[in-house]
N, C-alpha and C. Protein backbone atom coordinates (compact mmCIF):
# COMPACT_ATOMS: atom_id res chain seq x y z
N MET A 1 206.14 124.92 -69.52
CA MET A 1 207.19 124.21 -68.87
C MET A 1 208.48 124.54 -69.58
N THR A 2 209.50 124.96 -68.87
CA THR A 2 210.78 125.31 -69.45
C THR A 2 211.80 124.29 -68.99
N THR A 3 212.58 123.80 -69.92
CA THR A 3 213.61 122.84 -69.58
C THR A 3 214.95 123.53 -69.65
N ALA A 4 215.80 123.28 -68.71
CA ALA A 4 217.12 123.89 -68.70
C ALA A 4 218.14 122.85 -69.12
N THR A 5 219.10 123.27 -69.90
CA THR A 5 220.19 122.38 -70.27
C THR A 5 221.48 122.98 -69.74
N LEU A 6 222.41 122.13 -69.42
CA LEU A 6 223.68 122.59 -68.89
C LEU A 6 224.72 122.48 -69.99
N ALA A 7 225.43 123.55 -70.25
CA ALA A 7 226.46 123.56 -71.29
C ALA A 7 227.77 124.02 -70.66
N PRO A 8 228.81 123.20 -70.73
CA PRO A 8 230.08 123.62 -70.13
C PRO A 8 230.71 124.73 -70.97
N THR A 9 231.24 125.71 -70.31
CA THR A 9 231.98 126.78 -70.99
C THR A 9 233.24 127.06 -70.18
N ARG A 10 234.20 127.53 -70.84
CA ARG A 10 235.46 127.88 -70.17
C ARG A 10 235.55 129.39 -70.12
N THR A 11 236.03 129.87 -69.02
CA THR A 11 236.27 131.30 -68.93
C THR A 11 237.72 131.54 -69.29
N LYS A 12 238.01 132.70 -69.81
CA LYS A 12 239.39 133.03 -70.17
C LYS A 12 240.19 133.28 -68.91
N ALA A 13 241.42 132.87 -68.97
CA ALA A 13 242.31 133.12 -67.84
C ALA A 13 242.62 134.60 -67.79
N ARG A 14 242.64 135.13 -66.61
CA ARG A 14 242.96 136.54 -66.46
C ARG A 14 244.45 136.74 -66.69
N THR A 15 244.76 137.88 -67.19
CA THR A 15 246.15 138.21 -67.41
C THR A 15 246.86 138.26 -66.08
N GLY A 16 247.97 137.60 -66.01
CA GLY A 16 248.75 137.60 -64.79
C GLY A 16 248.34 136.50 -63.83
N SER A 17 247.35 135.73 -64.15
CA SER A 17 246.91 134.67 -63.27
C SER A 17 247.83 133.47 -63.44
N LYS A 18 248.09 132.73 -62.37
CA LYS A 18 249.01 131.60 -62.42
C LYS A 18 248.36 130.38 -63.01
N ALA A 19 247.05 130.22 -62.86
CA ALA A 19 246.38 129.02 -63.36
C ALA A 19 245.22 129.44 -64.23
N HIS A 20 244.81 128.49 -65.04
CA HIS A 20 243.62 128.74 -65.85
C HIS A 20 242.41 128.80 -64.94
N ALA A 21 241.47 129.59 -65.32
CA ALA A 21 240.24 129.67 -64.53
C ALA A 21 239.50 128.33 -64.65
N PRO A 22 238.89 127.89 -63.59
CA PRO A 22 238.17 126.62 -63.65
C PRO A 22 236.98 126.72 -64.60
N SER A 23 236.59 125.58 -65.15
CA SER A 23 235.42 125.60 -66.03
C SER A 23 234.19 125.77 -65.17
N ARG A 24 233.19 126.36 -65.74
CA ARG A 24 231.94 126.56 -65.01
C ARG A 24 230.78 126.17 -65.91
N LEU A 25 229.68 125.89 -65.32
CA LEU A 25 228.50 125.49 -66.07
C LEU A 25 227.56 126.68 -66.19
N VAL A 26 227.06 126.87 -67.37
CA VAL A 26 226.12 127.94 -67.62
C VAL A 26 224.77 127.31 -67.93
N VAL A 27 223.74 127.79 -67.29
CA VAL A 27 222.40 127.26 -67.53
C VAL A 27 221.77 128.06 -68.66
N ARG A 28 221.32 127.34 -69.68
CA ARG A 28 220.65 127.97 -70.82
C ARG A 28 219.26 127.37 -70.95
N LYS A 29 218.31 128.19 -71.26
CA LYS A 29 216.95 127.70 -71.46
C LYS A 29 216.88 127.04 -72.83
N ALA A 30 216.27 125.87 -72.86
CA ALA A 30 216.07 125.18 -74.13
C ALA A 30 214.99 125.90 -74.91
N ALA A 31 215.15 125.90 -76.20
CA ALA A 31 214.16 126.56 -77.06
C ALA A 31 213.04 125.58 -77.34
N LEU A 32 212.29 125.25 -76.33
CA LEU A 32 211.16 124.35 -76.48
C LEU A 32 209.89 125.17 -76.46
N THR A 33 208.98 124.79 -77.29
CA THR A 33 207.69 125.45 -77.24
C THR A 33 206.77 124.58 -76.41
N ALA A 34 206.34 125.11 -75.32
CA ALA A 34 205.44 124.38 -74.44
C ALA A 34 204.06 124.32 -75.09
N PRO A 35 203.38 123.21 -74.90
CA PRO A 35 202.03 123.15 -75.48
C PRO A 35 201.16 124.22 -74.83
N LYS A 36 200.33 124.81 -75.64
CA LYS A 36 199.44 125.85 -75.11
C LYS A 36 198.43 125.20 -74.18
N SER A 37 198.21 125.84 -73.07
CA SER A 37 197.23 125.30 -72.14
C SER A 37 195.86 125.82 -72.53
N ARG A 38 194.86 124.98 -72.28
CA ARG A 38 193.48 125.36 -72.56
C ARG A 38 192.70 125.27 -71.27
N SER A 39 191.71 126.08 -71.18
CA SER A 39 190.86 126.02 -70.01
C SER A 39 189.96 124.78 -70.08
N HIS A 40 189.41 124.42 -68.95
CA HIS A 40 188.48 123.29 -68.91
C HIS A 40 187.28 123.57 -69.81
N ALA A 41 186.78 124.80 -69.75
CA ALA A 41 185.63 125.17 -70.56
C ALA A 41 185.92 125.00 -72.05
N ASP A 42 187.09 125.47 -72.48
CA ASP A 42 187.45 125.34 -73.90
C ASP A 42 187.58 123.87 -74.31
N SER A 43 188.13 123.06 -73.42
CA SER A 43 188.26 121.63 -73.71
C SER A 43 186.89 120.97 -73.82
N MET A 44 185.99 121.32 -72.92
CA MET A 44 184.65 120.73 -72.97
C MET A 44 183.91 121.13 -74.24
N VAL A 45 184.00 122.39 -74.61
CA VAL A 45 183.34 122.86 -75.83
C VAL A 45 183.90 122.13 -77.04
N GLU A 46 185.20 121.95 -77.07
CA GLU A 46 185.83 121.23 -78.18
C GLU A 46 185.34 119.77 -78.24
N MET A 47 185.24 119.13 -77.09
CA MET A 47 184.75 117.75 -77.05
C MET A 47 183.29 117.67 -77.49
N LEU A 48 182.49 118.63 -77.08
CA LEU A 48 181.08 118.66 -77.47
C LEU A 48 180.91 118.93 -78.97
N LYS A 49 181.79 119.72 -79.54
CA LYS A 49 181.75 119.96 -80.98
C LYS A 49 182.11 118.69 -81.73
N ALA A 50 183.10 117.98 -81.22
CA ALA A 50 183.57 116.76 -81.88
C ALA A 50 182.55 115.63 -81.77
N ASP A 51 181.80 115.58 -80.68
CA ASP A 51 180.84 114.51 -80.45
C ASP A 51 179.55 115.08 -79.86
N PRO A 52 178.64 115.54 -80.71
CA PRO A 52 177.40 116.15 -80.21
C PRO A 52 176.58 115.22 -79.32
N ALA A 53 176.67 113.91 -79.50
CA ALA A 53 175.93 112.97 -78.66
C ALA A 53 176.45 112.99 -77.22
N PHE A 54 177.65 113.47 -77.03
CA PHE A 54 178.24 113.57 -75.70
C PHE A 54 177.45 114.56 -74.83
N ALA A 55 176.75 115.49 -75.45
CA ALA A 55 175.99 116.50 -74.70
C ALA A 55 174.96 115.85 -73.79
N ASN A 56 174.30 114.80 -74.26
CA ASN A 56 173.29 114.13 -73.45
C ASN A 56 173.89 113.56 -72.17
N ALA A 57 174.98 112.84 -72.30
CA ALA A 57 175.63 112.24 -71.13
C ALA A 57 176.20 113.31 -70.21
N TYR A 58 176.76 114.34 -70.79
CA TYR A 58 177.35 115.44 -70.02
C TYR A 58 176.29 116.15 -69.18
N LEU A 59 175.17 116.48 -69.80
CA LEU A 59 174.09 117.16 -69.08
C LEU A 59 173.41 116.23 -68.07
N GLN A 60 173.28 114.95 -68.42
CA GLN A 60 172.69 113.99 -67.49
C GLN A 60 173.53 113.89 -66.23
N SER A 61 174.83 113.85 -66.40
CA SER A 61 175.73 113.79 -65.24
C SER A 61 175.61 115.05 -64.40
N ALA A 62 175.54 116.20 -65.05
CA ALA A 62 175.41 117.47 -64.32
C ALA A 62 174.06 117.54 -63.61
N LEU A 63 173.03 117.02 -64.24
CA LEU A 63 171.70 117.05 -63.65
C LEU A 63 171.61 116.19 -62.40
N GLU A 64 172.33 115.09 -62.38
CA GLU A 64 172.31 114.20 -61.22
C GLU A 64 172.85 114.88 -59.97
N ASP A 65 173.72 115.85 -60.13
CA ASP A 65 174.30 116.55 -58.98
C ASP A 65 173.64 117.89 -58.72
N SER A 66 172.50 118.16 -59.35
CA SER A 66 171.90 119.49 -59.26
C SER A 66 171.09 119.71 -57.99
N HIS A 67 171.14 118.81 -57.03
CA HIS A 67 170.39 118.97 -55.79
C HIS A 67 171.07 119.94 -54.82
N THR A 68 172.31 120.34 -55.12
CA THR A 68 173.02 121.30 -54.28
C THR A 68 173.19 122.61 -55.07
N GLN A 69 173.53 123.67 -54.37
CA GLN A 69 173.76 124.96 -55.03
C GLN A 69 174.91 124.85 -56.03
N GLU A 70 175.99 124.17 -55.63
CA GLU A 70 177.13 124.00 -56.53
C GLU A 70 176.75 123.15 -57.74
N GLY A 71 175.91 122.15 -57.50
CA GLY A 71 175.44 121.29 -58.59
C GLY A 71 174.58 122.04 -59.59
N ARG A 72 173.73 122.94 -59.08
CA ARG A 72 172.90 123.76 -59.98
C ARG A 72 173.78 124.68 -60.83
N ALA A 73 174.80 125.25 -60.22
CA ALA A 73 175.73 126.10 -60.97
C ALA A 73 176.45 125.28 -62.03
N ALA A 74 176.84 124.06 -61.68
CA ALA A 74 177.53 123.18 -62.63
C ALA A 74 176.61 122.80 -63.79
N LEU A 75 175.34 122.59 -63.51
CA LEU A 75 174.38 122.27 -64.57
C LEU A 75 174.25 123.43 -65.55
N LEU A 76 174.17 124.65 -65.04
CA LEU A 76 174.07 125.82 -65.91
C LEU A 76 175.33 125.99 -66.76
N VAL A 77 176.48 125.74 -66.15
CA VAL A 77 177.74 125.84 -66.90
C VAL A 77 177.81 124.74 -67.96
N ALA A 78 177.35 123.54 -67.63
CA ALA A 78 177.33 122.45 -68.62
C ALA A 78 176.42 122.81 -69.79
N LEU A 79 175.26 123.37 -69.49
CA LEU A 79 174.36 123.79 -70.56
C LEU A 79 174.98 124.91 -71.39
N ARG A 80 175.70 125.78 -70.73
CA ARG A 80 176.41 126.85 -71.45
C ARG A 80 177.45 126.26 -72.40
N HIS A 81 178.19 125.24 -71.95
CA HIS A 81 179.18 124.59 -72.81
C HIS A 81 178.50 123.99 -74.05
N VAL A 82 177.35 123.36 -73.83
CA VAL A 82 176.61 122.77 -74.96
C VAL A 82 176.19 123.88 -75.93
N ALA A 83 175.69 124.98 -75.40
CA ALA A 83 175.27 126.10 -76.25
C ALA A 83 176.46 126.69 -77.00
N GLN A 84 177.60 126.80 -76.33
CA GLN A 84 178.79 127.33 -77.00
C GLN A 84 179.25 126.41 -78.11
N ALA A 85 179.16 125.10 -77.88
CA ALA A 85 179.57 124.14 -78.91
C ALA A 85 178.69 124.25 -80.14
N GLN A 86 177.42 124.59 -79.94
CA GLN A 86 176.49 124.71 -81.06
C GLN A 86 176.42 126.13 -81.62
N GLY A 87 177.03 127.06 -80.92
CA GLY A 87 177.03 128.46 -81.34
C GLY A 87 176.02 129.24 -80.52
N MET A 88 176.51 130.11 -79.67
CA MET A 88 175.63 130.87 -78.78
C MET A 88 174.61 131.70 -79.56
N ASN A 89 175.04 132.30 -80.67
CA ASN A 89 174.11 133.11 -81.47
C ASN A 89 172.94 132.27 -81.97
N GLU A 90 173.26 131.08 -82.49
CA GLU A 90 172.22 130.22 -83.05
C GLU A 90 171.27 129.72 -81.96
N VAL A 91 171.82 129.28 -80.84
CA VAL A 91 170.99 128.78 -79.74
C VAL A 91 170.11 129.90 -79.20
N ALA A 92 170.68 131.08 -79.02
CA ALA A 92 169.91 132.22 -78.51
C ALA A 92 168.77 132.56 -79.47
N ALA A 93 169.06 132.58 -80.75
CA ALA A 93 168.02 132.91 -81.74
C ALA A 93 166.91 131.87 -81.72
N LYS A 94 167.26 130.60 -81.69
CA LYS A 94 166.25 129.54 -81.66
C LYS A 94 165.42 129.57 -80.38
N ALA A 95 166.07 129.94 -79.27
CA ALA A 95 165.38 130.00 -77.98
C ALA A 95 164.57 131.29 -77.82
N GLY A 96 164.81 132.24 -78.69
CA GLY A 96 164.09 133.52 -78.60
C GLY A 96 164.60 134.41 -77.49
N ILE A 97 165.91 134.35 -77.22
CA ILE A 97 166.51 135.16 -76.16
C ILE A 97 167.67 135.94 -76.77
N GLN A 98 167.99 137.06 -76.18
CA GLN A 98 169.18 137.81 -76.60
C GLN A 98 170.44 137.02 -76.20
N ARG A 99 171.46 137.10 -77.02
CA ARG A 99 172.70 136.36 -76.75
C ARG A 99 173.30 136.74 -75.39
N GLU A 100 173.31 138.02 -75.08
CA GLU A 100 173.86 138.48 -73.81
C GLU A 100 173.07 137.90 -72.63
N SER A 101 171.75 137.83 -72.80
CA SER A 101 170.90 137.26 -71.75
C SER A 101 171.19 135.77 -71.59
N LEU A 102 171.45 135.10 -72.69
CA LEU A 102 171.77 133.67 -72.63
C LEU A 102 173.06 133.44 -71.84
N TYR A 103 174.07 134.26 -72.11
CA TYR A 103 175.32 134.15 -71.35
C TYR A 103 175.06 134.37 -69.85
N ARG A 104 174.27 135.36 -69.54
CA ARG A 104 173.98 135.69 -68.14
C ARG A 104 173.19 134.57 -67.46
N VAL A 105 172.16 134.07 -68.14
CA VAL A 105 171.31 133.02 -67.58
C VAL A 105 172.10 131.73 -67.36
N LEU A 106 173.05 131.44 -68.24
CA LEU A 106 173.82 130.20 -68.14
C LEU A 106 175.15 130.39 -67.41
N SER A 107 175.25 131.44 -66.63
CA SER A 107 176.45 131.63 -65.81
C SER A 107 176.26 130.85 -64.51
N PRO A 108 177.33 130.61 -63.75
CA PRO A 108 177.19 129.88 -62.48
C PRO A 108 176.19 130.52 -61.52
N LYS A 109 175.99 131.83 -61.62
CA LYS A 109 175.05 132.52 -60.74
C LYS A 109 173.71 132.78 -61.42
N GLY A 110 173.53 132.22 -62.62
CA GLY A 110 172.29 132.42 -63.35
C GLY A 110 171.12 131.79 -62.64
N ASN A 111 169.93 132.29 -62.94
CA ASN A 111 168.72 131.78 -62.33
C ASN A 111 167.61 131.76 -63.38
N PRO A 112 167.73 130.83 -64.34
CA PRO A 112 166.74 130.84 -65.43
C PRO A 112 165.37 130.37 -64.95
N THR A 113 164.35 130.89 -65.60
CA THR A 113 163.00 130.39 -65.35
C THR A 113 162.88 129.03 -66.06
N LEU A 114 161.86 128.29 -65.70
CA LEU A 114 161.66 126.99 -66.33
C LEU A 114 161.43 127.16 -67.83
N SER A 115 160.68 128.18 -68.22
CA SER A 115 160.42 128.39 -69.65
C SER A 115 161.72 128.72 -70.40
N THR A 116 162.61 129.49 -69.78
CA THR A 116 163.89 129.81 -70.42
C THR A 116 164.75 128.55 -70.53
N LEU A 117 164.79 127.78 -69.46
CA LEU A 117 165.58 126.54 -69.46
C LEU A 117 165.08 125.58 -70.54
N LEU A 118 163.76 125.41 -70.63
CA LEU A 118 163.19 124.53 -71.65
C LEU A 118 163.45 125.06 -73.06
N ALA A 119 163.38 126.39 -73.23
CA ALA A 119 163.65 126.99 -74.54
C ALA A 119 165.09 126.76 -74.96
N VAL A 120 166.02 126.90 -74.03
CA VAL A 120 167.44 126.69 -74.34
C VAL A 120 167.70 125.22 -74.66
N LEU A 121 167.14 124.32 -73.86
CA LEU A 121 167.30 122.89 -74.13
C LEU A 121 166.74 122.55 -75.51
N GLY A 122 165.55 123.05 -75.82
CA GLY A 122 164.94 122.79 -77.12
C GLY A 122 165.77 123.35 -78.26
N ALA A 123 166.31 124.54 -78.08
CA ALA A 123 167.13 125.17 -79.10
C ALA A 123 168.43 124.39 -79.33
N ALA A 124 168.89 123.71 -78.28
CA ALA A 124 170.12 122.91 -78.40
C ALA A 124 169.82 121.49 -78.90
N GLY A 125 168.53 121.23 -79.18
CA GLY A 125 168.16 119.91 -79.68
C GLY A 125 168.03 118.87 -78.58
N LEU A 126 167.80 119.33 -77.37
CA LEU A 126 167.67 118.44 -76.22
C LEU A 126 166.29 118.62 -75.60
N ARG A 127 165.89 117.68 -74.78
CA ARG A 127 164.64 117.84 -74.07
C ARG A 127 164.82 117.38 -72.63
N PHE A 128 164.01 117.92 -71.79
CA PHE A 128 164.05 117.63 -70.37
C PHE A 128 163.15 116.42 -70.11
N SER A 129 163.65 115.47 -69.33
CA SER A 129 162.82 114.33 -68.96
C SER A 129 163.13 113.94 -67.53
N VAL A 130 162.20 113.23 -66.94
CA VAL A 130 162.33 112.80 -65.55
C VAL A 130 162.21 111.29 -65.52
N ALA A 131 163.05 110.66 -64.72
CA ALA A 131 162.99 109.21 -64.58
C ALA A 131 163.08 108.87 -63.10
N GLN A 132 162.40 107.83 -62.72
CA GLN A 132 162.45 107.40 -61.33
C GLN A 132 163.73 106.61 -61.13
N GLY A 133 164.42 106.95 -60.06
CA GLY A 133 165.73 106.32 -59.86
C GLY A 133 165.81 105.69 -58.58
């Protein structure tokens, strides 16, 4: 966000002119540093790092909406955020998967097998459960 300030300046009268030139306003950009914007993903990872218990509520919320294609993609992205907060290398190693494969599986278009999903959840210190609602 850039803020403009108005500063009055006078122009010099031209030689031979009968009147002084009128004052005019010059727009100058303020030297403000705008706060750096962060992506939603970066914000979520930061929140998950700050409060690891938040992962349970975050994934539970994503799981509740997983009955649609968009909801399934959101669940995979939420699990990816949890893995990123804990370190993708560490989660991949604990799950027994290559890091690149973990990124691919946890992408919005990923299609993990149940064993991969359970391995990733276990590596992140989470477990899958079902409750009647």
